[in-house]
Structures are given as C-alpha cells and as structure tokens.
Amino acid sequence: MVKLEILSGDPPCPGCLAIIALAKRISAPYDPDELELAIYEGEAALPLFEQYRIDCVPAAVVNGAIRIEGMCPSEATLNNALREGGLCLK
C-alpha cells in the first residue's frame, strides 16, 4: 500500500485547495488497500511539519518522503511521485 499525505494551512491557500482536490481526484479509482489518502489541515498538520521538516505548504508526502512542497503539482507530477512510491497507476 502507498500512503499519500497532503499538508495544508488553515485557512487553506489556493494552492492547498488545488492539491487537496487533485489528491482526491487521483485517489478515487484506488481501493484503500492500494492507496491511502490522508489530508491534514492547520493544527492537525503541525506535528507533521516538524516530523518531515516542512517549511512551506501545500506539501505532499508519499510513504514518508516529501515529494512536493510549496506548490500544487500537475496531475502527471503527482502521479509520478505515487508511481515512484510503488503505486501501480490505473
């Protein structure tokens, strides 16, 4: 299973809103045992900011590795990060 964590500010900036929508759209065709999506906003994300040493939102973490920080990626970029994390793309 691949875990995708999305970290956002509160209130979410336009980039945060975009990456959340993108992650939901990309994860929709997968079963929960293939791809787990976790979205953390504001205070819920604070422990992860420290754990991953993230300074800028939005951020995407795949299997514990920071893949995107400070911008909303294209769909292809996020798919590539998931593929490199071990997900068989649909």
Protein backbone atom coordinates (compact mmCIF):
# COMPACT_ATOMS: atom_id res chain seq x y z
CA MET A 1 0.00 0.00 0.00
CA VAL A 2 1.09 3.55 -0.75
CA LYS A 3 0.29 6.38 1.66
CA LEU A 4 -0.23 9.90 0.33
CA GLU A 5 -0.31 12.66 2.94
CA ILE A 6 -1.38 16.16 1.97
CA LEU A 7 -0.46 19.00 4.34
CA SER A 8 -2.30 22.29 4.16
CA GLY A 9 -2.50 25.55 6.04
CA ASP A 10 -5.60 26.86 7.75
CA PRO A 11 -7.21 28.64 6.13
CA PRO A 12 -6.03 26.79 3.04
CA CYS A 13 -4.41 28.90 0.34
CA PRO A 14 -5.45 28.45 -3.32
CA GLY A 15 -2.53 26.03 -3.84
CA CYS A 16 -3.65 23.98 -0.84
CA LEU A 17 -7.21 23.80 -2.13
CA ALA A 18 -5.93 22.76 -5.55
CA ILE A 19 -3.67 19.97 -4.26
CA ILE A 20 -6.43 18.63 -1.99
CA ALA A 21 -8.85 18.46 -4.94
CA LEU A 22 -6.15 16.87 -7.12
CA ALA A 23 -5.27 14.25 -4.50
CA LYS A 24 -8.95 13.34 -4.03
CA ARG A 25 -9.44 13.01 -7.79
CA ILE A 26 -6.30 10.90 -8.27
CA SER A 27 -7.05 8.62 -5.31
CA ALA A 28 -10.70 7.98 -6.25
CA PRO A 29 -10.14 4.93 -8.51
CA TYR A 30 -7.97 3.09 -5.98
CA ASP A 31 -9.04 0.74 -3.21
CA PRO A 32 -7.98 1.78 0.32
CA ASP A 33 -5.54 -1.16 0.42
CA GLU A 34 -3.79 0.27 -2.68
CA LEU A 35 -3.66 3.98 -1.85
CA GLU A 36 -4.35 5.63 1.48
CA LEU A 37 -5.04 9.36 1.30
CA ALA A 38 -4.67 11.44 4.46
CA ILE A 39 -5.32 15.18 4.42
CA TYR A 40 -4.06 17.31 7.31
CA GLU A 41 -5.04 20.95 7.63
CA GLY A 42 -3.85 23.65 10.00
CA GLU A 43 -3.21 22.49 13.56
CA ALA A 44 -3.68 18.83 12.62
CA ALA A 45 -0.68 19.20 10.29
CA LEU A 46 1.67 20.85 12.81
CA PRO A 47 3.23 17.62 14.15
CA LEU A 48 3.91 16.51 10.58
CA PHE A 49 5.51 19.85 9.67
CA GLU A 50 8.03 19.19 12.43
CA GLN A 51 8.42 15.47 11.70
CA TYR A 52 9.08 15.98 7.98
CA ARG A 53 10.75 19.40 8.42
CA ILE A 54 8.33 21.04 6.02
CA ASP A 55 8.51 24.83 5.84
CA CYS A 56 6.00 25.62 3.12
CA VAL A 57 2.51 24.47 2.16
CA PRO A 58 0.99 22.83 0.31
CA ALA A 59 3.02 19.66 0.66
CA ALA A 60 2.63 16.07 -0.47
CA VAL A 61 4.38 13.21 1.31
CA VAL A 62 4.47 9.73 -0.24
CA ASN A 63 5.37 6.85 2.08
CA GLY A 64 7.14 9.23 4.46
CA ALA A 65 9.18 11.06 1.79
CA ILE A 66 8.47 14.68 0.90
CA ARG A 67 7.65 14.74 -2.80
CA ILE A 68 6.13 18.20 -3.28
CA GLU A 69 6.45 21.34 -1.19
CA GLY A 70 5.28 24.90 -1.73
CA MET A 71 3.19 24.37 -4.86
CA CYS A 72 0.35 22.41 -6.35
CA PRO A 73 1.87 19.96 -8.83
CA SER A 74 0.43 18.89 -12.14
CA GLU A 75 -1.52 15.65 -12.19
CA ALA A 76 1.37 13.98 -14.02
CA THR A 77 3.87 15.08 -11.37
CA LEU A 78 1.75 13.76 -8.51
CA ASN A 79 1.12 10.50 -10.40
CA ASN A 80 4.87 10.11 -10.95
CA ALA A 81 5.51 10.61 -7.23
CA LEU A 82 2.94 7.92 -6.43
CA ARG A 83 4.38 5.57 -9.04
CA GLU A 84 7.88 6.06 -7.63
CA GLY A 85 6.37 5.29 -4.21
CA GLY A 86 5.26 1.90 -5.52
CA LEU A 87 1.72 2.50 -6.75
CA CYS A 88 0.64 0.72 -9.93
CA LEU A 89 -1.14 3.52 -11.75
CA LYS A 90 -4.63 3.00 -13.15
